[in-house]
């Protein structure tokens, strides 16, 4: 039986579009509704209570739009709110956690760097995943203050952006890491810049493909997969629609326009 209702996706801003790219490839027959909370971005500097409140509002909005499942395409929101969302709403939720397991399995130096927001580092998922898979590894955590804003404001590649990113990456290189985990969905848009700063042997881990695979698994297990090739994607933002449309065009996504909705 086919369920042609859309899958909801939300993030603190445009970063979750990196997850959308993987979702498109893994679930080609699904329709999506994406909400970018850019007016409240970044979540990483907000209190846990604020992030929970935003996640709750956005979830209600996506469900009102018919979402059959929701991907919380934000590490900070996953860490802060996904347990309560799963308890409070009757649909499946797929969250994001830093790809520490894969990094721990692949490291040869025994040293793993994690670049994420401060709230992600404080979350239960990060602590539990680190303890389970990397308790015998040296994990170097680096808060990426300011990087989300660089992506949101289309300042990737500027001298200021490179300087800030280098100040976060170089200490991890000097510490001897051979794996760098990107713990924020905005950060994959910085991979081309990061690649110019790190030796070839360092592996960069983007969690998006794993999230897309898990989303497919959840939809299959719940009997929610769509078999309709007619897609109807919708994109909403609490921020600047022009900025969102610019990013959508750059990524080659299927939306022609974004709608502004303040929640």
Protein backbone atom coordinates (compact mmCIF):
# COMPACT_ATOMS: atom_id res chain seq x y z
CA UNK A 1 0.00 0.00 0.00
CA UNK A 2 1.37 3.40 -1.00
CA UNK A 3 1.25 6.43 1.30
CA UNK A 4 1.67 9.52 -0.84
CA UNK A 5 1.58 12.05 1.98
CA UNK A 6 4.76 14.16 2.21
CA UNK A 7 7.71 13.73 4.55
CA UNK A 8 8.34 16.78 6.71
CA UNK A 9 11.88 18.09 7.17
CA UNK A 10 13.02 21.00 9.32
CA UNK A 11 16.20 22.73 10.39
CA UNK A 12 17.23 25.93 12.11
CA UNK A 13 17.81 27.30 8.62
CA UNK A 14 19.22 26.24 5.26
CA UNK A 15 21.63 23.63 6.58
CA UNK A 16 19.06 20.85 6.42
CA UNK A 17 19.06 21.18 2.65
CA UNK A 18 22.26 19.11 2.77
CA UNK A 19 20.09 16.33 4.20
CA UNK A 20 17.46 16.95 1.54
CA UNK A 21 20.01 16.18 -1.18
CA UNK A 22 20.55 12.73 0.33
CA UNK A 23 16.83 12.20 0.88
CA UNK A 24 16.18 12.94 -2.79
CA UNK A 25 18.66 10.29 -3.86
CA UNK A 26 17.47 7.65 -1.40
CA UNK A 27 13.71 8.31 -1.63
CA UNK A 28 13.08 9.42 -5.22
CA UNK A 29 9.32 8.79 -5.06
CA UNK A 30 8.67 10.82 -1.91
CA UNK A 31 7.33 14.36 -1.69
CA UNK A 32 8.79 16.67 0.95
CA UNK A 33 7.82 19.72 2.96
CA UNK A 34 10.82 21.64 4.24
CA UNK A 35 10.77 24.36 6.90
CA UNK A 36 13.83 26.56 7.46
CA UNK A 37 13.61 28.48 10.74
CA UNK A 38 16.10 31.07 9.53
CA UNK A 39 14.58 33.92 11.53
CA UNK A 40 15.57 32.03 14.70
CA UNK A 41 18.89 30.73 13.38
CA UNK A 42 21.29 29.67 14.83
CA UNK A 43 19.79 27.22 17.31
CA UNK A 44 23.23 26.47 18.71
CA UNK A 45 23.24 29.72 20.71
CA UNK A 46 19.65 29.34 21.97
CA UNK A 47 18.55 27.80 25.26
CA UNK A 48 17.33 24.21 25.27
CA UNK A 49 13.85 25.46 26.20
CA UNK A 50 13.78 27.81 23.20
CA UNK A 51 14.85 25.05 20.79
CA UNK A 52 12.20 22.69 22.17
CA UNK A 53 9.53 25.35 21.73
CA UNK A 54 10.54 26.03 18.14
CA UNK A 55 10.67 22.31 17.32
CA UNK A 56 7.19 21.87 18.77
CA UNK A 57 5.71 24.72 16.72
CA UNK A 58 7.33 23.58 13.50
CA UNK A 59 6.19 20.00 14.04
CA UNK A 60 2.59 21.16 14.42
CA UNK A 61 2.93 23.20 11.22
CA UNK A 62 4.32 20.25 9.24
CA UNK A 63 1.64 17.92 10.56
CA UNK A 64 -1.04 20.45 9.59
CA UNK A 65 0.46 20.26 6.09
CA UNK A 66 -0.04 16.48 6.11
CA UNK A 67 3.43 15.20 7.05
CA UNK A 68 3.42 11.43 7.64
CA UNK A 69 6.89 11.46 9.24
CA UNK A 70 9.38 14.17 10.15
CA UNK A 71 13.14 14.36 9.72
CA UNK A 72 14.68 16.66 12.30
CA UNK A 73 17.50 17.78 10.00
CA UNK A 74 19.32 19.66 12.74
CA UNK A 75 21.78 18.24 15.25
CA UNK A 76 20.93 20.84 17.87
CA UNK A 77 17.17 20.31 17.60
CA UNK A 78 17.64 16.53 17.66
CA UNK A 79 19.73 16.76 20.81
CA UNK A 80 17.31 19.12 22.53
CA UNK A 81 13.87 17.98 21.45
CA UNK A 82 13.52 14.65 19.66
CA UNK A 83 12.69 12.60 22.75
CA UNK A 84 9.77 14.90 23.59
CA UNK A 85 8.62 15.09 19.97
CA UNK A 86 8.43 11.30 19.80
CA UNK A 87 6.47 11.22 23.05
CA UNK A 88 4.07 14.03 22.11
CA UNK A 89 3.24 13.36 18.45
CA UNK A 90 1.84 10.19 16.77
CA UNK A 91 4.16 10.01 13.76
CA UNK A 92 7.74 8.74 13.29
CA UNK A 93 10.67 11.13 13.80
CA UNK A 94 14.14 10.65 12.37
CA UNK A 95 16.91 12.62 14.02
CA UNK A 96 20.57 13.34 13.43
CA UNK A 97 23.56 12.52 15.53
CA UNK A 98 27.25 13.14 14.82
CA UNK A 99 28.80 10.29 12.81
CA UNK A 100 31.15 9.31 15.61
CA UNK A 101 30.61 5.58 15.13
CA UNK A 102 31.97 5.58 11.58
CA UNK A 103 34.83 7.88 12.52
CA UNK A 104 35.78 5.65 15.45
CA UNK A 105 35.71 2.55 13.24
CA UNK A 106 37.91 4.11 10.55
CA UNK A 107 40.50 5.99 12.59
CA UNK A 108 44.05 4.72 12.49
CA UNK A 109 45.53 7.36 14.75
CA UNK A 110 42.87 6.82 17.43
CA UNK A 111 42.10 10.53 17.28
CA UNK A 112 38.77 11.91 16.06
CA UNK A 113 37.78 15.55 15.66
CA UNK A 114 34.16 16.68 15.98
CA UNK A 115 33.00 20.09 14.73
CA UNK A 116 29.53 20.93 16.04
CA UNK A 117 27.40 23.49 17.85
CA UNK A 118 27.66 23.84 21.62
CA UNK A 119 24.16 22.52 22.23
CA UNK A 120 24.92 19.40 20.20
CA UNK A 121 27.87 18.61 22.45
CA UNK A 122 25.60 18.97 25.48
CA UNK A 123 22.97 16.58 24.12
CA UNK A 124 22.26 13.03 25.25
CA UNK A 125 22.85 11.53 21.78
CA UNK A 126 26.37 12.91 21.51
CA UNK A 127 27.31 11.72 25.00
CA UNK A 128 25.84 8.25 24.53
CA UNK A 129 27.24 7.73 21.03
CA UNK A 130 30.70 8.88 22.11
CA UNK A 131 30.65 6.61 25.15
CA UNK A 132 29.45 3.61 23.14
CA UNK A 133 31.71 3.83 20.11
CA UNK A 134 34.64 6.10 20.95
CA UNK A 135 35.37 5.51 24.63
CA UNK A 136 38.82 4.18 23.73
CA UNK A 137 39.54 7.04 21.28
CA UNK A 138 40.76 10.59 21.77
CA UNK A 139 37.83 12.78 20.75
CA UNK A 140 38.61 16.44 20.13
CA UNK A 141 35.49 18.57 20.28
CA UNK A 142 35.42 21.95 18.56
CA UNK A 143 32.40 24.29 18.78
CA UNK A 144 31.88 25.90 15.38
CA UNK A 145 30.67 29.31 16.53
CA UNK A 146 29.78 31.53 13.57
CA UNK A 147 29.86 28.85 10.86
CA UNK A 148 26.08 28.50 10.63
CA UNK A 149 25.79 32.23 9.99
CA UNK A 150 28.36 31.99 7.19
CA UNK A 151 26.17 29.47 5.36
CA UNK A 152 22.91 31.31 6.07
CA UNK A 153 24.34 34.63 4.84
CA UNK A 154 25.99 33.16 1.72
CA UNK A 155 29.50 34.09 2.87
CA UNK A 156 31.17 30.77 2.09
CA UNK A 157 34.61 31.32 0.60
CA UNK A 158 35.08 34.88 1.85
CA UNK A 159 38.41 35.71 3.52
CA UNK A 160 36.66 36.13 6.89
CA UNK A 161 34.92 32.78 6.54
CA UNK A 162 38.15 30.99 5.61
CA UNK A 163 39.97 32.54 8.55
CA UNK A 164 37.29 31.44 11.02
CA UNK A 165 37.05 27.93 9.60
CA UNK A 166 40.84 27.56 9.62
CA UNK A 167 40.94 28.54 13.30
CA UNK A 168 38.71 25.54 14.05
CA UNK A 169 40.25 22.99 11.69
CA UNK A 170 43.97 23.55 12.25
CA UNK A 171 44.02 22.70 15.99
CA UNK A 172 42.44 19.34 15.18
CA UNK A 173 45.04 18.70 12.48
CA UNK A 174 47.81 19.61 14.90
CA UNK A 175 46.31 17.21 17.44
CA UNK A 176 46.74 14.39 14.92
CA UNK A 177 43.13 13.55 14.04
CA UNK A 178 42.57 11.51 10.90
CA UNK A 179 38.77 11.80 11.00
CA UNK A 180 36.66 14.98 11.18
CA UNK A 181 32.98 14.58 12.02
CA UNK A 182 30.63 17.34 10.90
CA UNK A 183 28.06 17.68 13.67
CA UNK A 184 25.83 20.31 12.07
CA UNK A 185 23.88 20.05 8.84
CA UNK A 186 25.13 23.47 7.74
CA UNK A 187 28.72 22.27 7.75
CA UNK A 188 28.64 19.95 4.70
CA UNK A 189 28.33 23.10 2.57
CA UNK A 190 31.81 23.96 3.89
CA UNK A 191 33.41 20.67 2.82
CA UNK A 192 35.09 22.14 -0.30
CA UNK A 193 36.75 24.77 1.92
CA UNK A 194 37.68 22.23 4.59
CA UNK A 195 39.24 19.97 1.93
CA UNK A 196 41.70 22.75 1.01
CA UNK A 197 42.81 22.94 4.64
CA UNK A 198 43.38 19.29 5.56
CA UNK A 199 45.81 16.60 4.39
CA UNK A 200 44.44 14.03 1.95
CA UNK A 201 44.45 11.22 4.51
CA UNK A 202 41.87 12.94 6.75
CA UNK A 203 38.33 11.61 6.23
CA UNK A 204 35.44 14.07 6.56
CA UNK A 205 32.16 12.55 7.77
CA UNK A 206 28.85 14.00 6.56
CA UNK A 207 25.90 12.38 8.44
CA UNK A 208 23.34 13.09 5.69
CA UNK A 209 23.55 9.78 3.76
CA UNK A 210 23.02 7.78 6.96
CA UNK A 211 20.01 9.92 7.86
CA UNK A 212 18.48 9.31 4.43
CA UNK A 213 18.99 5.55 4.76
CA UNK A 214 17.42 5.56 8.22
CA UNK A 215 14.46 7.58 6.92
CA UNK A 216 13.85 4.99 4.21
CA UNK A 217 14.10 2.20 6.80
CA UNK A 218 11.59 3.91 9.11
CA UNK A 219 9.13 4.54 6.27
CA UNK A 220 9.41 0.91 5.14
CA UNK A 221 8.95 -0.45 8.66
CA UNK A 222 5.95 1.82 9.22
CA UNK A 223 4.30 1.06 5.87
CA UNK A 224 4.61 4.70 4.82
CA UNK A 225 6.61 4.51 1.59
CA UNK A 226 5.21 6.32 -1.43
CA UNK A 227 4.99 4.68 -4.84
CA UNK A 228 3.88 7.85 -6.58
CA UNK A 229 6.46 9.38 -8.92
CA UNK A 230 4.53 12.66 -9.02
CA UNK A 231 6.38 14.89 -6.57
CA UNK A 232 5.01 17.97 -4.90
CA UNK A 233 7.74 19.51 -2.78
CA UNK A 234 7.13 22.68 -0.79
CA UNK A 235 9.66 24.93 0.92
CA UNK A 236 8.90 27.35 3.73
CA UNK A 237 11.05 29.71 5.76
CA UNK A 238 10.67 32.09 8.65
CA UNK A 239 13.45 34.17 7.13
CA UNK A 240 14.40 35.59 3.73
CA UNK A 241 12.73 33.78 0.84
CA UNK A 242 15.20 35.23 -1.66
CA UNK A 243 18.14 33.70 0.21
CA UNK A 244 16.42 30.34 0.37
CA UNK A 245 15.52 30.36 -3.31
CA UNK A 246 19.11 31.23 -4.16
CA UNK A 247 20.32 28.17 -2.24
CA UNK A 248 17.65 25.94 -3.81
CA UNK A 249 18.68 26.99 -7.30
CA UNK A 250 22.34 26.43 -6.49
CA UNK A 251 21.57 22.90 -5.33
CA UNK A 252 19.37 22.10 -8.33
CA UNK A 253 16.32 21.33 -6.24
CA UNK A 254 12.79 21.02 -7.54
CA UNK A 255 11.24 24.11 -5.97
CA UNK A 256 10.77 27.29 -7.94
CA UNK A 257 9.75 29.40 -4.95
CA UNK A 258 9.83 29.49 -1.18
CA UNK A 259 7.06 30.81 1.01
CA UNK A 260 7.59 32.84 4.15
CA UNK A 261 5.67 31.57 7.17
CA UNK A 262 6.40 32.93 10.64
CA UNK A 263 5.43 30.55 13.43
